[in-house]
């Protein structure tokens, strides 16, 4: 199951990067969702400082 989360997070991260250049896809939002998926996968050690939304 962890492998599925890692693959899903990686796919979302790639789509998020593409979305930064393609105006139809909301890239930053998808990239943030990818970080959340990777953080909760169990293998990711992103940390809470990367997941905080600060202006």
N, C-alpha and C. Protein backbone atom coordinates (compact mmCIF):
# COMPACT_ATOMS: atom_id res chain seq x y z
N UNK A 1 0.81 -1.19 0.00
CA UNK A 1 0.00 0.00 0.00
C UNK A 1 0.86 1.26 0.00
N UNK A 2 2.00 1.19 0.68
CA UNK A 2 2.90 2.34 0.69
C UNK A 2 3.44 2.64 -0.70
N UNK A 3 3.69 1.57 -1.46
CA UNK A 3 4.19 1.76 -2.82
C UNK A 3 3.15 2.49 -3.67
N UNK A 4 1.88 2.19 -3.45
CA UNK A 4 0.82 2.86 -4.19
C UNK A 4 0.80 4.36 -3.86
N UNK A 5 0.96 4.71 -2.59
CA UNK A 5 1.00 6.11 -2.19
C UNK A 5 2.22 6.83 -2.79
N UNK A 6 3.34 6.15 -2.81
CA UNK A 6 4.54 6.76 -3.38
C UNK A 6 4.38 6.98 -4.88
N UNK A 7 3.82 6.01 -5.57
CA UNK A 7 3.59 6.17 -7.01
C UNK A 7 2.56 7.26 -7.29
N UNK A 8 1.49 7.31 -6.49
CA UNK A 8 0.47 8.34 -6.67
C UNK A 8 1.05 9.72 -6.38
N UNK A 9 1.83 9.85 -5.33
CA UNK A 9 2.44 11.13 -5.00
C UNK A 9 3.43 11.58 -6.07
N UNK A 10 4.19 10.64 -6.62
CA UNK A 10 5.14 10.99 -7.67
C UNK A 10 4.42 11.43 -8.94
N UNK A 11 3.35 10.72 -9.27
CA UNK A 11 2.57 11.10 -10.44
C UNK A 11 1.94 12.48 -10.26
N UNK A 12 1.39 12.74 -9.07
CA UNK A 12 0.82 14.06 -8.81
C UNK A 12 1.87 15.15 -8.85
N UNK A 13 3.07 14.86 -8.40
CA UNK A 13 4.14 15.83 -8.43
C UNK A 13 4.53 16.17 -9.86
N UNK A 14 4.61 15.17 -10.71
CA UNK A 14 4.93 15.41 -12.12
C UNK A 14 3.83 16.22 -12.79
N UNK A 15 2.57 15.88 -12.51
CA UNK A 15 1.45 16.63 -13.08
C UNK A 15 1.44 18.06 -12.55
N UNK A 16 1.81 18.25 -11.29
CA UNK A 16 1.89 19.58 -10.71
C UNK A 16 2.96 20.43 -11.37
N UNK A 17 4.09 19.83 -11.68
CA UNK A 17 5.15 20.57 -12.38
C UNK A 17 4.70 20.94 -13.78
N UNK A 18 4.05 20.03 -14.47
CA UNK A 18 3.52 20.33 -15.80
C UNK A 18 2.45 21.41 -15.70
N UNK A 19 1.65 21.36 -14.65
CA UNK A 19 0.59 22.34 -14.45
C UNK A 19 1.10 23.75 -14.19
N UNK A 20 2.33 23.89 -13.80
CA UNK A 20 2.90 25.23 -13.62
C UNK A 20 3.09 25.93 -14.97
N UNK A 21 3.17 25.17 -16.04
CA UNK A 21 3.38 25.75 -17.35
C UNK A 21 2.14 25.69 -18.24
N UNK A 22 1.23 24.79 -17.95
CA UNK A 22 -0.01 24.65 -18.71
C UNK A 22 -1.11 25.36 -17.92
N UNK A 23 -1.75 26.37 -18.50
CA UNK A 23 -2.71 27.16 -17.72
C UNK A 23 -3.98 26.43 -17.31
N UNK A 24 -4.31 25.32 -17.93
CA UNK A 24 -5.56 24.62 -17.63
C UNK A 24 -5.45 23.82 -16.34
N UNK A 25 -4.26 23.31 -16.01
CA UNK A 25 -4.04 22.45 -14.85
C UNK A 25 -3.55 23.30 -13.67
N UNK A 26 -4.19 23.20 -12.51
CA UNK A 26 -3.72 23.98 -11.34
C UNK A 26 -2.48 23.34 -10.72
N UNK A 27 -1.32 23.72 -11.19
CA UNK A 27 -0.06 23.09 -10.80
C UNK A 27 0.30 23.17 -9.34
N UNK A 28 0.30 24.37 -8.72
CA UNK A 28 0.70 24.44 -7.30
C UNK A 28 -0.22 23.65 -6.37
N UNK A 29 -1.50 23.63 -6.66
CA UNK A 29 -2.44 22.89 -5.81
C UNK A 29 -2.18 21.39 -5.92
N UNK A 30 -1.97 20.91 -7.12
CA UNK A 30 -1.69 19.49 -7.32
C UNK A 30 -0.34 19.13 -6.71
N UNK A 31 0.64 20.02 -6.82
CA UNK A 31 1.93 19.78 -6.20
C UNK A 31 1.85 19.69 -4.69
N UNK A 32 1.00 20.54 -4.09
CA UNK A 32 0.82 20.49 -2.64
C UNK A 32 0.12 19.20 -2.23
N UNK A 33 -0.86 18.76 -3.01
CA UNK A 33 -1.52 17.48 -2.73
C UNK A 33 -0.53 16.32 -2.84
N UNK A 34 0.40 16.43 -3.78
CA UNK A 34 1.41 15.39 -3.92
C UNK A 34 2.30 15.32 -2.67
N UNK A 35 2.66 16.49 -2.13
CA UNK A 35 3.46 16.50 -0.91
C UNK A 35 2.69 15.90 0.26
N UNK A 36 1.39 16.17 0.33
CA UNK A 36 0.58 15.57 1.40
C UNK A 36 0.51 14.05 1.27
N UNK A 37 0.32 13.56 0.04
CA UNK A 37 0.25 12.11 -0.18
C UNK A 37 1.57 11.46 0.18
N UNK A 38 2.68 12.09 -0.22
CA UNK A 38 3.99 11.52 0.10
C UNK A 38 4.30 11.58 1.59
N UNK A 39 3.81 12.60 2.27
CA UNK A 39 4.04 12.69 3.71
C UNK A 39 3.29 11.59 4.46
N UNK A 40 2.07 11.30 4.06
CA UNK A 40 1.26 10.31 4.77
C UNK A 40 1.47 8.90 4.25
N UNK A 41 2.39 8.72 3.31
CA UNK A 41 2.64 7.38 2.78
C UNK A 41 3.42 6.51 3.78
N UNK A 42 4.13 7.11 4.67
CA UNK A 42 4.91 6.35 5.64
C UNK A 42 6.39 6.35 5.33
N UNK A 43 6.74 6.44 4.07
CA UNK A 43 8.14 6.46 3.67
C UNK A 43 8.68 7.87 3.52
N UNK A 44 7.81 8.82 3.28
CA UNK A 44 8.25 10.19 3.05
C UNK A 44 8.58 10.90 4.35
N UNK A 45 9.68 11.59 4.34
CA UNK A 45 10.08 12.37 5.50
C UNK A 45 10.21 13.82 5.08
N UNK A 46 9.08 14.40 4.69
CA UNK A 46 9.10 15.77 4.19
C UNK A 46 9.19 16.75 5.34
N UNK A 47 8.44 16.52 6.38
CA UNK A 47 8.46 17.39 7.55
C UNK A 47 7.33 18.40 7.51
N UNK A 48 6.96 18.87 8.67
CA UNK A 48 5.82 19.77 8.75
C UNK A 48 6.14 21.18 8.27
N UNK A 49 7.43 21.55 8.24
CA UNK A 49 7.76 22.91 7.79
C UNK A 49 7.47 23.08 6.29
N UNK A 50 7.54 22.03 5.52
CA UNK A 50 7.23 22.11 4.09
C UNK A 50 5.74 22.13 3.83
N UNK A 51 4.96 21.66 4.78
CA UNK A 51 3.53 21.54 4.57
C UNK A 51 2.73 22.71 5.12
N UNK A 52 3.38 23.66 5.78
CA UNK A 52 2.68 24.82 6.32
C UNK A 52 2.44 25.83 5.22
N UNK A 53 1.25 26.39 5.22
CA UNK A 53 0.91 27.44 4.28
C UNK A 53 1.13 28.78 4.94
N UNK A 54 2.14 29.49 4.53
CA UNK A 54 2.43 30.81 5.08
C UNK A 54 2.49 31.80 3.94
N UNK A 55 1.93 32.99 4.14
CA UNK A 55 1.97 34.01 3.07
C UNK A 55 3.32 34.59 2.87
